[in-house]
mmCIF file of all heavy atoms, coordinates in Angstrom:
data_MODEL
# 
_entry.id   MODEL 
# 
loop_
_atom_site.group_PDB 
_atom_site.id 
_atom_site.type_symbol 
_atom_site.label_atom_id 
_atom_site.label_alt_id 
_atom_site.label_comp_id 
_atom_site.label_asym_id 
_atom_site.label_entity_id 
_atom_site.label_seq_id 
_atom_site.pdbx_PDB_ins_code 
_atom_site.Cartn_x 
_atom_site.Cartn_y 
_atom_site.Cartn_z 
_atom_site.occupancy 
_atom_site.B_iso_or_equiv 
_atom_site.pdbx_formal_charge 
_atom_site.auth_seq_id 
_atom_site.auth_comp_id 
_atom_site.auth_asym_id 
_atom_site.auth_atom_id 
_atom_site.pdbx_PDB_model_num 
ATOM 1   N N   . TYR A 1 1  ? -5.537  170.712 361.600 1.00 0.00 ? 1  TYR A N   1 
ATOM 2   C CA  . TYR A 1 1  ? -6.254  171.873 362.177 1.00 0.00 ? 1  TYR A CA  1 
ATOM 3   C C   . TYR A 1 1  ? -5.590  172.335 363.482 1.00 0.00 ? 1  TYR A C   1 
ATOM 4   O O   . TYR A 1 1  ? -5.487  173.533 363.743 1.00 0.00 ? 1  TYR A O   1 
ATOM 5   C CB  . TYR A 1 1  ? -7.727  171.512 362.442 1.00 0.00 ? 1  TYR A CB  1 
ATOM 6   C CG  . TYR A 1 1  ? -8.552  171.403 361.193 1.00 0.00 ? 1  TYR A CG  1 
ATOM 7   C CD1 . TYR A 1 1  ? -9.328  170.267 360.938 1.00 0.00 ? 1  TYR A CD1 1 
ATOM 8   C CD2 . TYR A 1 1  ? -8.574  172.440 360.245 1.00 0.00 ? 1  TYR A CD2 1 
ATOM 9   C CE1 . TYR A 1 1  ? -10.094 170.147 359.790 1.00 0.00 ? 1  TYR A CE1 1 
ATOM 10  C CE2 . TYR A 1 1  ? -9.341  172.323 359.085 1.00 0.00 ? 1  TYR A CE2 1 
ATOM 11  C CZ  . TYR A 1 1  ? -10.085 171.183 358.863 1.00 0.00 ? 1  TYR A CZ  1 
ATOM 12  O OH  . TYR A 1 1  ? -10.840 171.077 357.714 1.00 0.00 ? 1  TYR A OH  1 
ATOM 13  N N   . LEU A 1 2  ? -5.178  171.382 364.320 1.00 0.00 ? 2  LEU A N   1 
ATOM 14  C CA  . LEU A 1 2  ? -4.615  171.739 365.630 1.00 0.00 ? 2  LEU A CA  1 
ATOM 15  C C   . LEU A 1 2  ? -3.218  172.367 365.485 1.00 0.00 ? 2  LEU A C   1 
ATOM 16  O O   . LEU A 1 2  ? -2.860  173.270 366.233 1.00 0.00 ? 2  LEU A O   1 
ATOM 17  C CB  . LEU A 1 2  ? -4.571  170.511 366.546 1.00 0.00 ? 2  LEU A CB  1 
ATOM 18  C CG  . LEU A 1 2  ? -5.951  169.966 366.938 1.00 0.00 ? 2  LEU A CG  1 
ATOM 19  C CD1 . LEU A 1 2  ? -5.826  168.610 367.626 1.00 0.00 ? 2  LEU A CD1 1 
ATOM 20  C CD2 . LEU A 1 2  ? -6.710  170.915 367.835 1.00 0.00 ? 2  LEU A CD2 1 
ATOM 21  N N   . VAL A 1 3  ? -2.428  171.900 364.509 1.00 0.00 ? 3  VAL A N   1 
ATOM 22  C CA  . VAL A 1 3  ? -1.105  172.503 364.249 1.00 0.00 ? 3  VAL A CA  1 
ATOM 23  C C   . VAL A 1 3  ? -1.297  173.959 363.821 1.00 0.00 ? 3  VAL A C   1 
ATOM 24  O O   . VAL A 1 3  ? -0.580  174.863 364.266 1.00 0.00 ? 3  VAL A O   1 
ATOM 25  C CB  . VAL A 1 3  ? -0.328  171.710 363.163 1.00 0.00 ? 3  VAL A CB  1 
ATOM 26  C CG1 . VAL A 1 3  ? 0.850   172.520 362.638 1.00 0.00 ? 3  VAL A CG1 1 
ATOM 27  C CG2 . VAL A 1 3  ? 0.175   170.412 363.718 1.00 0.00 ? 3  VAL A CG2 1 
ATOM 28  N N   . LYS A 1 4  ? -2.303  174.203 362.930 1.00 0.00 ? 4  LYS A N   1 
ATOM 29  C CA  . LYS A 1 4  ? -2.572  175.578 362.462 1.00 0.00 ? 4  LYS A CA  1 
ATOM 30  C C   . LYS A 1 4  ? -2.934  176.487 363.628 1.00 0.00 ? 4  LYS A C   1 
ATOM 31  O O   . LYS A 1 4  ? -2.615  177.677 363.628 1.00 0.00 ? 4  LYS A O   1 
ATOM 32  C CB  . LYS A 1 4  ? -3.701  175.561 361.420 1.00 0.00 ? 4  LYS A CB  1 
ATOM 33  C CG  . LYS A 1 4  ? -3.169  175.228 360.029 1.00 0.00 ? 4  LYS A CG  1 
ATOM 34  C CD  . LYS A 1 4  ? -4.279  175.029 359.017 1.00 0.00 ? 4  LYS A CD  1 
ATOM 35  C CE  . LYS A 1 4  ? -5.010  176.339 358.684 1.00 0.00 ? 4  LYS A CE  1 
ATOM 36  N NZ  . LYS A 1 4  ? -6.018  176.129 357.627 1.00 0.00 ? 4  LYS A NZ  1 
ATOM 37  N N   . ALA A 1 5  ? -3.594  175.900 364.668 1.00 0.00 ? 5  ALA A N   1 
ATOM 38  C CA  . ALA A 1 5  ? -4.002  176.718 365.828 1.00 0.00 ? 5  ALA A CA  1 
ATOM 39  C C   . ALA A 1 5  ? -2.876  176.799 366.862 1.00 0.00 ? 5  ALA A C   1 
ATOM 40  O O   . ALA A 1 5  ? -3.059  177.381 367.937 1.00 0.00 ? 5  ALA A O   1 
ATOM 41  C CB  . ALA A 1 5  ? -5.250  176.112 366.447 1.00 0.00 ? 5  ALA A CB  1 
ATOM 42  N N   . GLY A 1 6  ? -1.702  176.185 366.563 1.00 0.00 ? 6  GLY A N   1 
ATOM 43  C CA  . GLY A 1 6  ? -0.562  176.255 367.500 1.00 0.00 ? 6  GLY A CA  1 
ATOM 44  C C   . GLY A 1 6  ? -0.746  175.386 368.738 1.00 0.00 ? 6  GLY A C   1 
ATOM 45  O O   . GLY A 1 6  ? -0.257  175.712 369.824 1.00 0.00 ? 6  GLY A O   1 
ATOM 46  N N   . ILE A 1 7  ? -1.481  174.257 368.582 1.00 0.00 ? 7  ILE A N   1 
ATOM 47  C CA  . ILE A 1 7  ? -1.730  173.378 369.732 1.00 0.00 ? 7  ILE A CA  1 
ATOM 48  C C   . ILE A 1 7  ? -0.893  172.102 369.571 1.00 0.00 ? 7  ILE A C   1 
ATOM 49  O O   . ILE A 1 7  ? -0.871  171.499 368.505 1.00 0.00 ? 7  ILE A O   1 
ATOM 50  C CB  . ILE A 1 7  ? -3.234  173.005 369.809 1.00 0.00 ? 7  ILE A CB  1 
ATOM 51  C CG1 . ILE A 1 7  ? -4.065  174.269 370.046 1.00 0.00 ? 7  ILE A CG1 1 
ATOM 52  C CG2 . ILE A 1 7  ? -3.498  171.990 370.906 1.00 0.00 ? 7  ILE A CG2 1 
ATOM 53  C CD1 . ILE A 1 7  ? -5.566  174.075 369.903 1.00 0.00 ? 7  ILE A CD1 1 
ATOM 54  N N   . SER A 1 8  ? -0.204  171.699 370.652 1.00 0.00 ? 8  SER A N   1 
ATOM 55  C CA  . SER A 1 8  ? 0.550   170.435 370.641 1.00 0.00 ? 8  SER A CA  1 
ATOM 56  C C   . SER A 1 8  ? -0.376  169.311 371.117 1.00 0.00 ? 8  SER A C   1 
ATOM 57  O O   . SER A 1 8  ? -1.245  169.539 371.963 1.00 0.00 ? 8  SER A O   1 
ATOM 58  C CB  . SER A 1 8  ? 1.748   170.526 371.582 1.00 0.00 ? 8  SER A CB  1 
ATOM 59  O OG  . SER A 1 8  ? 2.630   171.528 371.124 1.00 0.00 ? 8  SER A OG  1 
ATOM 60  N N   . VAL A 1 9  ? -0.154  168.104 370.566 1.00 0.00 ? 9  VAL A N   1 
ATOM 61  C CA  . VAL A 1 9  ? -1.046  166.982 370.894 1.00 0.00 ? 9  VAL A CA  1 
ATOM 62  C C   . VAL A 1 9  ? -0.225  165.742 371.271 1.00 0.00 ? 9  VAL A C   1 
ATOM 63  O O   . VAL A 1 9  ? 0.766   165.418 370.605 1.00 0.00 ? 9  VAL A O   1 
ATOM 64  C CB  . VAL A 1 9  ? -1.966  166.636 369.689 1.00 0.00 ? 9  VAL A CB  1 
ATOM 65  C CG1 . VAL A 1 9  ? -2.896  165.491 370.039 1.00 0.00 ? 9  VAL A CG1 1 
ATOM 66  C CG2 . VAL A 1 9  ? -2.757  167.843 369.246 1.00 0.00 ? 9  VAL A CG2 1 
ATOM 67  N N   . LEU A 1 10 ? -0.627  165.054 372.358 1.00 0.00 ? 10 LEU A N   1 
ATOM 68  C CA  . LEU A 1 10 ? -0.108  163.722 372.693 1.00 0.00 ? 10 LEU A CA  1 
ATOM 69  C C   . LEU A 1 10 ? -1.283  162.761 372.615 1.00 0.00 ? 10 LEU A C   1 
ATOM 70  O O   . LEU A 1 10 ? -2.382  163.096 373.059 1.00 0.00 ? 10 LEU A O   1 
ATOM 71  C CB  . LEU A 1 10 ? 0.449   163.698 374.128 1.00 0.00 ? 10 LEU A CB  1 
ATOM 72  C CG  . LEU A 1 10 ? 1.608   164.630 374.461 1.00 0.00 ? 10 LEU A CG  1 
ATOM 73  C CD1 . LEU A 1 10 ? 1.957   164.494 375.936 1.00 0.00 ? 10 LEU A CD1 1 
ATOM 74  C CD2 . LEU A 1 10 ? 2.829   164.342 373.614 1.00 0.00 ? 10 LEU A CD2 1 
ATOM 75  N N   . ARG A 1 11 ? -1.057  161.590 372.038 1.00 0.00 ? 11 ARG A N   1 
ATOM 76  C CA  . ARG A 1 11 ? -2.202  160.662 371.879 1.00 0.00 ? 11 ARG A CA  1 
ATOM 77  C C   . ARG A 1 11 ? -1.885  159.272 372.435 1.00 0.00 ? 11 ARG A C   1 
ATOM 78  O O   . ARG A 1 11 ? -0.741  158.956 372.732 1.00 0.00 ? 11 ARG A O   1 
ATOM 79  C CB  . ARG A 1 11 ? -2.591  160.549 370.400 1.00 0.00 ? 11 ARG A CB  1 
ATOM 80  C CG  . ARG A 1 11 ? -1.536  159.864 369.560 1.00 0.00 ? 11 ARG A CG  1 
ATOM 81  C CD  . ARG A 1 11 ? -1.970  159.731 368.126 1.00 0.00 ? 11 ARG A CD  1 
ATOM 82  N NE  . ARG A 1 11 ? -0.858  159.284 367.286 1.00 0.00 ? 11 ARG A NE  1 
ATOM 83  C CZ  . ARG A 1 11 ? -0.865  159.267 365.974 1.00 0.00 ? 11 ARG A CZ  1 
ATOM 84  N NH1 . ARG A 1 11 ? -1.935  159.677 365.328 1.00 0.00 ? 11 ARG A NH1 1 
ATOM 85  N NH2 . ARG A 1 11 ? 0.171   158.847 365.294 1.00 0.00 ? 11 ARG A NH2 1 
ATOM 86  N N   . ARG A 1 12 ? -2.938  158.466 372.541 1.00 0.00 ? 12 ARG A N   1 
ATOM 87  C CA  . ARG A 1 12 ? -2.863  157.063 372.999 1.00 0.00 ? 12 ARG A CA  1 
ATOM 88  C C   . ARG A 1 12 ? -2.148  156.914 374.340 1.00 0.00 ? 12 ARG A C   1 
ATOM 89  O O   . ARG A 1 12 ? -1.192  156.161 374.478 1.00 0.00 ? 12 ARG A O   1 
ATOM 90  C CB  . ARG A 1 12 ? -2.193  156.182 371.938 1.00 0.00 ? 12 ARG A CB  1 
ATOM 91  C CG  . ARG A 1 12 ? -2.988  156.168 370.653 1.00 0.00 ? 12 ARG A CG  1 
ATOM 92  C CD  . ARG A 1 12 ? -2.844  154.881 369.875 1.00 0.00 ? 12 ARG A CD  1 
ATOM 93  N NE  . ARG A 1 12 ? -3.845  154.867 368.809 1.00 0.00 ? 12 ARG A NE  1 
ATOM 94  C CZ  . ARG A 1 12 ? -3.642  155.367 367.571 1.00 0.00 ? 12 ARG A CZ  1 
ATOM 95  N NH1 . ARG A 1 12 ? -2.478  155.910 367.276 1.00 0.00 ? 12 ARG A NH1 1 
ATOM 96  N NH2 . ARG A 1 12 ? -4.596  155.333 366.681 1.00 0.00 ? 12 ARG A NH2 1 
ATOM 97  N N   . LEU A 1 13 ? -2.615  157.671 375.326 1.00 0.00 ? 13 LEU A N   1 
ATOM 98  C CA  . LEU A 1 13 ? -2.076  157.525 376.684 1.00 0.00 ? 13 LEU A CA  1 
ATOM 99  C C   . LEU A 1 13 ? -2.830  156.430 377.399 1.00 0.00 ? 13 LEU A C   1 
ATOM 100 O O   . LEU A 1 13 ? -3.973  156.141 377.080 1.00 0.00 ? 13 LEU A O   1 
ATOM 101 C CB  . LEU A 1 13 ? -2.289  158.823 377.474 1.00 0.00 ? 13 LEU A CB  1 
ATOM 102 C CG  . LEU A 1 13 ? -1.045  159.683 377.626 1.00 0.00 ? 13 LEU A CG  1 
ATOM 103 C CD1 . LEU A 1 13 ? -0.795  160.382 376.312 1.00 0.00 ? 13 LEU A CD1 1 
ATOM 104 C CD2 . LEU A 1 13 ? -1.230  160.662 378.733 1.00 0.00 ? 13 LEU A CD2 1 
ATOM 105 N N   . LYS A 1 14 ? -2.184  155.862 378.411 1.00 0.00 ? 14 LYS A N   1 
ATOM 106 C CA  . LYS A 1 14 ? -2.899  154.913 379.258 1.00 0.00 ? 14 LYS A CA  1 
ATOM 107 C C   . LYS A 1 14 ? -3.855  155.706 380.152 1.00 0.00 ? 14 LYS A C   1 
ATOM 108 O O   . LYS A 1 14 ? -3.570  156.839 380.520 1.00 0.00 ? 14 LYS A O   1 
ATOM 109 C CB  . LYS A 1 14 ? -1.918  154.146 380.140 1.00 0.00 ? 14 LYS A CB  1 
ATOM 110 C CG  . LYS A 1 14 ? -1.075  153.152 379.414 1.00 0.00 ? 14 LYS A CG  1 
ATOM 111 C CD  . LYS A 1 14 ? -0.169  152.433 380.392 1.00 0.00 ? 14 LYS A CD  1 
ATOM 112 C CE  . LYS A 1 14 ? 0.824   151.559 379.665 1.00 0.00 ? 14 LYS A CE  1 
ATOM 113 N NZ  . LYS A 1 14 ? 2.003   151.278 380.473 1.00 0.00 ? 14 LYS A NZ  1 
ATOM 114 N N   . LYS A 1 15 ? -4.939  155.035 380.556 1.00 0.00 ? 15 LYS A N   1 
ATOM 115 C CA  . LYS A 1 15 ? -5.928  155.657 381.461 1.00 0.00 ? 15 LYS A CA  1 
ATOM 116 C C   . LYS A 1 15 ? -5.240  156.119 382.753 1.00 0.00 ? 15 LYS A C   1 
ATOM 117 O O   . LYS A 1 15 ? -5.507  157.202 383.261 1.00 0.00 ? 15 LYS A O   1 
ATOM 118 C CB  . LYS A 1 15 ? -7.007  154.628 381.781 1.00 0.00 ? 15 LYS A CB  1 
ATOM 119 C CG  . LYS A 1 15 ? -8.155  155.149 382.619 1.00 0.00 ? 15 LYS A CG  1 
ATOM 120 C CD  . LYS A 1 15 ? -9.156  155.794 381.715 1.00 0.00 ? 15 LYS A CD  1 
ATOM 121 C CE  . LYS A 1 15 ? -10.353 156.338 382.424 1.00 0.00 ? 15 LYS A CE  1 
ATOM 122 N NZ  . LYS A 1 15 ? -11.030 157.344 381.604 1.00 0.00 ? 15 LYS A NZ  1 
ATOM 123 N N   . THR A 1 16 ? -4.344  155.265 383.284 1.00 0.00 ? 16 THR A N   1 
ATOM 124 C CA  . THR A 1 16 ? -3.692  155.592 384.569 1.00 0.00 ? 16 THR A CA  1 
ATOM 125 C C   . THR A 1 16 ? -2.827  156.832 384.442 1.00 0.00 ? 16 THR A C   1 
ATOM 126 O O   . THR A 1 16 ? -2.784  157.676 385.342 1.00 0.00 ? 16 THR A O   1 
ATOM 127 C CB  . THR A 1 16 ? -2.825  154.411 385.032 1.00 0.00 ? 16 THR A CB  1 
ATOM 128 O OG1 . THR A 1 16 ? -1.996  154.006 383.940 1.00 0.00 ? 16 THR A OG1 1 
ATOM 129 C CG2 . THR A 1 16 ? -3.671  153.239 385.474 1.00 0.00 ? 16 THR A CG2 1 
ATOM 130 N N   . ASP A 1 17 ? -2.112  156.969 383.280 1.00 0.00 ? 17 ASP A N   1 
ATOM 131 C CA  . ASP A 1 17 ? -1.272  158.150 383.076 1.00 0.00 ? 17 ASP A CA  1 
ATOM 132 C C   . ASP A 1 17 ? -2.131  159.408 382.996 1.00 0.00 ? 17 ASP A C   1 
ATOM 133 O O   . ASP A 1 17 ? -1.771  160.458 383.522 1.00 0.00 ? 17 ASP A O   1 
ATOM 134 C CB  . ASP A 1 17 ? -0.454  158.012 381.767 1.00 0.00 ? 17 ASP A CB  1 
ATOM 135 C CG  . ASP A 1 17 ? 0.688   157.021 381.942 1.00 0.00 ? 17 ASP A CG  1 
ATOM 136 O OD1 . ASP A 1 17 ? 1.078   156.773 383.102 1.00 0.00 ? 17 ASP A OD1 1 
ATOM 137 O OD2 . ASP A 1 17 ? 1.172   156.482 380.938 1.00 0.00 ? 17 ASP A OD2 1 
ATOM 138 N N   . ASN A 1 18 ? -3.260  159.289 382.304 1.00 0.00 ? 18 ASN A N   1 
ATOM 139 C CA  . ASN A 1 18 ? -4.151  160.452 382.173 1.00 0.00 ? 18 ASN A CA  1 
ATOM 140 C C   . ASN A 1 18 ? -4.675  160.899 383.537 1.00 0.00 ? 18 ASN A C   1 
ATOM 141 O O   . ASN A 1 18 ? -4.766  162.079 383.839 1.00 0.00 ? 18 ASN A O   1 
ATOM 142 C CB  . ASN A 1 18 ? -5.310  160.100 381.241 1.00 0.00 ? 18 ASN A CB  1 
ATOM 143 C CG  . ASN A 1 18 ? -5.705  161.278 380.349 1.00 0.00 ? 18 ASN A CG  1 
ATOM 144 O OD1 . ASN A 1 18 ? -5.035  162.310 380.327 1.00 0.00 ? 18 ASN A OD1 1 
ATOM 145 N ND2 . ASN A 1 18 ? -6.788  161.123 379.619 1.00 0.00 ? 18 ASN A ND2 1 
ATOM 146 N N   . ASN A 1 19 ? -5.020  159.904 384.389 1.00 0.00 ? 19 ASN A N   1 
ATOM 147 C CA  . ASN A 1 19 ? -5.499  160.226 385.750 1.00 0.00 ? 19 ASN A CA  1 
ATOM 148 C C   . ASN A 1 19 ? -4.421  160.940 386.550 1.00 0.00 ? 19 ASN A C   1 
ATOM 149 O O   . ASN A 1 19 ? -4.704  161.858 387.326 1.00 0.00 ? 19 ASN A O   1 
ATOM 150 C CB  . ASN A 1 19 ? -5.901  158.949 386.488 1.00 0.00 ? 19 ASN A CB  1 
ATOM 151 C CG  . ASN A 1 19 ? -7.210  158.395 385.976 1.00 0.00 ? 19 ASN A CG  1 
ATOM 152 O OD1 . ASN A 1 19 ? -7.989  159.126 385.373 1.00 0.00 ? 19 ASN A OD1 1 
ATOM 153 N ND2 . ASN A 1 19 ? -7.448  157.111 386.162 1.00 0.00 ? 19 ASN A ND2 1 
ATOM 154 N N   . ARG A 1 20 ? -3.154  160.489 386.367 1.00 0.00 ? 20 ARG A N   1 
ATOM 155 C CA  . ARG A 1 20 ? -2.049  161.132 387.112 1.00 0.00 ? 20 ARG A CA  1 
ATOM 156 C C   . ARG A 1 20 ? -1.867  162.583 386.662 1.00 0.00 ? 20 ARG A C   1 
ATOM 157 O O   . ARG A 1 20 ? -1.669  163.463 387.479 1.00 0.00 ? 20 ARG A O   1 
ATOM 158 C CB  . ARG A 1 20 ? -0.747  160.349 386.883 1.00 0.00 ? 20 ARG A CB  1 
ATOM 159 C CG  . ARG A 1 20 ? -0.458  159.359 387.989 1.00 0.00 ? 20 ARG A CG  1 
ATOM 160 C CD  . ARG A 1 20 ? 0.982   158.965 387.992 1.00 0.00 ? 20 ARG A CD  1 
ATOM 161 N NE  . ARG A 1 20 ? 1.367   158.356 386.729 1.00 0.00 ? 20 ARG A NE  1 
ATOM 162 C CZ  . ARG A 1 20 ? 1.093   157.113 386.408 1.00 0.00 ? 20 ARG A CZ  1 
ATOM 163 N NH1 . ARG A 1 20 ? 0.457   156.329 387.249 1.00 0.00 ? 20 ARG A NH1 1 
ATOM 164 N NH2 . ARG A 1 20 ? 1.459   156.614 385.247 1.00 0.00 ? 20 ARG A NH2 1 
ATOM 165 N N   . ILE A 1 21 ? -1.938  162.798 385.339 1.00 0.00 ? 21 ILE A N   1 
ATOM 166 C CA  . ILE A 1 21 ? -1.777  164.176 384.831 1.00 0.00 ? 21 ILE A CA  1 
ATOM 167 C C   . ILE A 1 21 ? -2.916  165.055 385.381 1.00 0.00 ? 21 ILE A C   1 
ATOM 168 O O   . ILE A 1 21 ? -2.684  166.195 385.798 1.00 0.00 ? 21 ILE A O   1 
ATOM 169 C CB  . ILE A 1 21 ? -1.783  164.191 383.282 1.00 0.00 ? 21 ILE A CB  1 
ATOM 170 C CG1 . ILE A 1 21 ? -0.572  163.430 382.766 1.00 0.00 ? 21 ILE A CG1 1 
ATOM 171 C CG2 . ILE A 1 21 ? -1.758  165.620 382.748 1.00 0.00 ? 21 ILE A CG2 1 
ATOM 172 C CD1 . ILE A 1 21 ? -0.567  163.179 381.276 1.00 0.00 ? 21 ILE A CD1 1 
ATOM 173 N N   . ALA A 1 22 ? -4.131  164.491 385.406 1.00 0.00 ? 22 ALA A N   1 
ATOM 174 C CA  . ALA A 1 22 ? -5.280  165.263 385.928 1.00 0.00 ? 22 ALA A CA  1 
ATOM 175 C C   . ALA A 1 22 ? -5.021  165.709 387.355 1.00 0.00 ? 22 ALA A C   1 
ATOM 176 O O   . ALA A 1 22 ? -5.301  166.852 387.739 1.00 0.00 ? 22 ALA A O   1 
ATOM 177 C CB  . ALA A 1 22 ? -6.555  164.426 385.847 1.00 0.00 ? 22 ALA A CB  1 
ATOM 178 N N   . ARG A 1 23 ? -4.458  164.782 388.192 1.00 0.00 ? 23 ARG A N   1 
ATOM 179 C CA  . ARG A 1 23 ? -4.182  165.128 389.593 1.00 0.00 ? 23 ARG A CA  1 
ATOM 180 C C   . ARG A 1 23 ? -3.057  166.150 389.689 1.00 0.00 ? 23 ARG A C   1 
ATOM 181 O O   . ARG A 1 23 ? -3.056  167.008 390.552 1.00 0.00 ? 23 ARG A O   1 
ATOM 182 C CB  . ARG A 1 23 ? -3.736  163.861 390.349 1.00 0.00 ? 23 ARG A CB  1 
ATOM 183 C CG  . ARG A 1 23 ? -4.849  162.945 390.805 1.00 0.00 ? 23 ARG A CG  1 
ATOM 184 C CD  . ARG A 1 23 ? -5.347  163.246 392.214 1.00 0.00 ? 23 ARG A CD  1 
ATOM 185 N NE  . ARG A 1 23 ? -4.415  162.844 393.253 1.00 0.00 ? 23 ARG A NE  1 
ATOM 186 C CZ  . ARG A 1 23 ? -4.601  161.846 394.101 1.00 0.00 ? 23 ARG A CZ  1 
ATOM 187 N NH1 . ARG A 1 23 ? -5.683  161.119 394.029 1.00 0.00 ? 23 ARG A NH1 1 
ATOM 188 N NH2 . ARG A 1 23 ? -3.733  161.578 395.045 1.00 0.00 ? 23 ARG A NH2 1 
ATOM 189 N N   . ALA A 1 24 ? -2.061  166.037 388.780 1.00 0.00 ? 24 ALA A N   1 
ATOM 190 C CA  . ALA A 1 24 ? -0.869  166.907 388.891 1.00 0.00 ? 24 ALA A CA  1 
ATOM 191 C C   . ALA A 1 24 ? -1.170  168.346 388.452 1.00 0.00 ? 24 ALA A C   1 
ATOM 192 O O   . ALA A 1 24 ? -0.670  169.299 389.053 1.00 0.00 ? 24 ALA A O   1 
ATOM 193 C CB  . ALA A 1 24 ? 0.267   166.338 388.046 1.00 0.00 ? 24 ALA A CB  1 
ATOM 194 N N   . VAL A 1 25 ? -1.988  168.501 387.398 1.00 0.00 ? 25 VAL A N   1 
ATOM 195 C CA  . VAL A 1 25 ? -2.196  169.862 386.859 1.00 0.00 ? 25 VAL A CA  1 
ATOM 196 C C   . VAL A 1 25 ? -3.560  170.447 387.221 1.00 0.00 ? 25 VAL A C   1 
ATOM 197 O O   . VAL A 1 25 ? -3.880  171.584 386.851 1.00 0.00 ? 25 VAL A O   1 
ATOM 198 C CB  . VAL A 1 25 ? -2.007  169.895 385.319 1.00 0.00 ? 25 VAL A CB  1 
ATOM 199 C CG1 . VAL A 1 25 ? -0.619  169.401 384.960 1.00 0.00 ? 25 VAL A CG1 1 
ATOM 200 C CG2 . VAL A 1 25 ? -3.077  169.096 384.593 1.00 0.00 ? 25 VAL A CG2 1 
ATOM 201 N N   . GLY A 1 26 ? -4.380  169.661 387.946 1.00 0.00 ? 26 GLY A N   1 
ATOM 202 C CA  . GLY A 1 26 ? -5.683  170.183 388.365 1.00 0.00 ? 26 GLY A CA  1 
ATOM 203 C C   . GLY A 1 26 ? -6.696  170.236 387.243 1.00 0.00 ? 26 GLY A C   1 
ATOM 204 O O   . GLY A 1 26 ? -7.521  171.148 387.193 1.00 0.00 ? 26 GLY A O   1 
ATOM 205 N N   . ALA A 1 27 ? -6.614  169.295 386.291 1.00 0.00 ? 27 ALA A N   1 
ATOM 206 C CA  . ALA A 1 27 ? -7.562  169.278 385.167 1.00 0.00 ? 27 ALA A CA  1 
ATOM 207 C C   . ALA A 1 27 ? -8.634  168.217 385.395 1.00 0.00 ? 27 ALA A C   1 
ATOM 208 O O   . ALA A 1 27 ? -8.506  167.382 386.276 1.00 0.00 ? 27 ALA A O   1 
ATOM 209 C CB  . ALA A 1 27 ? -6.814  168.979 383.873 1.00 0.00 ? 27 ALA A CB  1 
ATOM 210 N N   . THR A 1 28 ? -9.680  168.274 384.559 1.00 0.00 ? 28 THR A N   1 
ATOM 211 C CA  . THR A 1 28 ? -10.708 167.247 384.578 1.00 0.00 ? 28 THR A CA  1 
ATOM 212 C C   . THR A 1 28 ? -10.709 166.562 383.223 1.00 0.00 ? 28 THR A C   1 
ATOM 213 O O   . THR A 1 28 ? -10.644 167.251 382.193 1.00 0.00 ? 28 THR A O   1 
ATOM 214 C CB  . THR A 1 28 ? -12.110 167.861 384.829 1.00 0.00 ? 28 THR A CB  1 
ATOM 215 O OG1 . THR A 1 28 ? -12.031 168.681 385.986 1.00 0.00 ? 28 THR A OG1 1 
ATOM 216 C CG2 . THR A 1 28 ? -13.165 166.797 385.033 1.00 0.00 ? 28 THR A CG2 1 
ATOM 217 N N   . ILE A 1 29 ? -10.763 165.242 383.197 1.00 0.00 ? 29 ILE A N   1 
ATOM 218 C CA  . ILE A 1 29 ? -10.769 164.526 381.917 1.00 0.00 ? 29 ILE A CA  1 
ATOM 219 C C   . ILE A 1 29 ? -12.164 164.665 381.281 1.00 0.00 ? 29 ILE A C   1 
ATOM 220 O O   . ILE A 1 29 ? -13.179 164.394 381.926 1.00 0.00 ? 29 ILE A O   1 
ATOM 221 C CB  . ILE A 1 29 ? -10.423 163.035 382.122 1.00 0.00 ? 29 ILE A CB  1 
ATOM 222 C CG1 . ILE A 1 29 ? -9.022  162.912 382.710 1.00 0.00 ? 29 ILE A CG1 1 
ATOM 223 C CG2 . ILE A 1 29 ? -10.508 162.268 380.809 1.00 0.00 ? 29 ILE A CG2 1 
ATOM 224 C CD1 . ILE A 1 29 ? -8.621  161.514 383.148 1.00 0.00 ? 29 ILE A CD1 1 
# 
């Protein structure tokens, strides 16, 4: 479904990596 919508997906990240991405791009998990 996500490929059909043109969305890229990364999975099984570490919690610490996800927190770093949140700080870098200004997102909320």
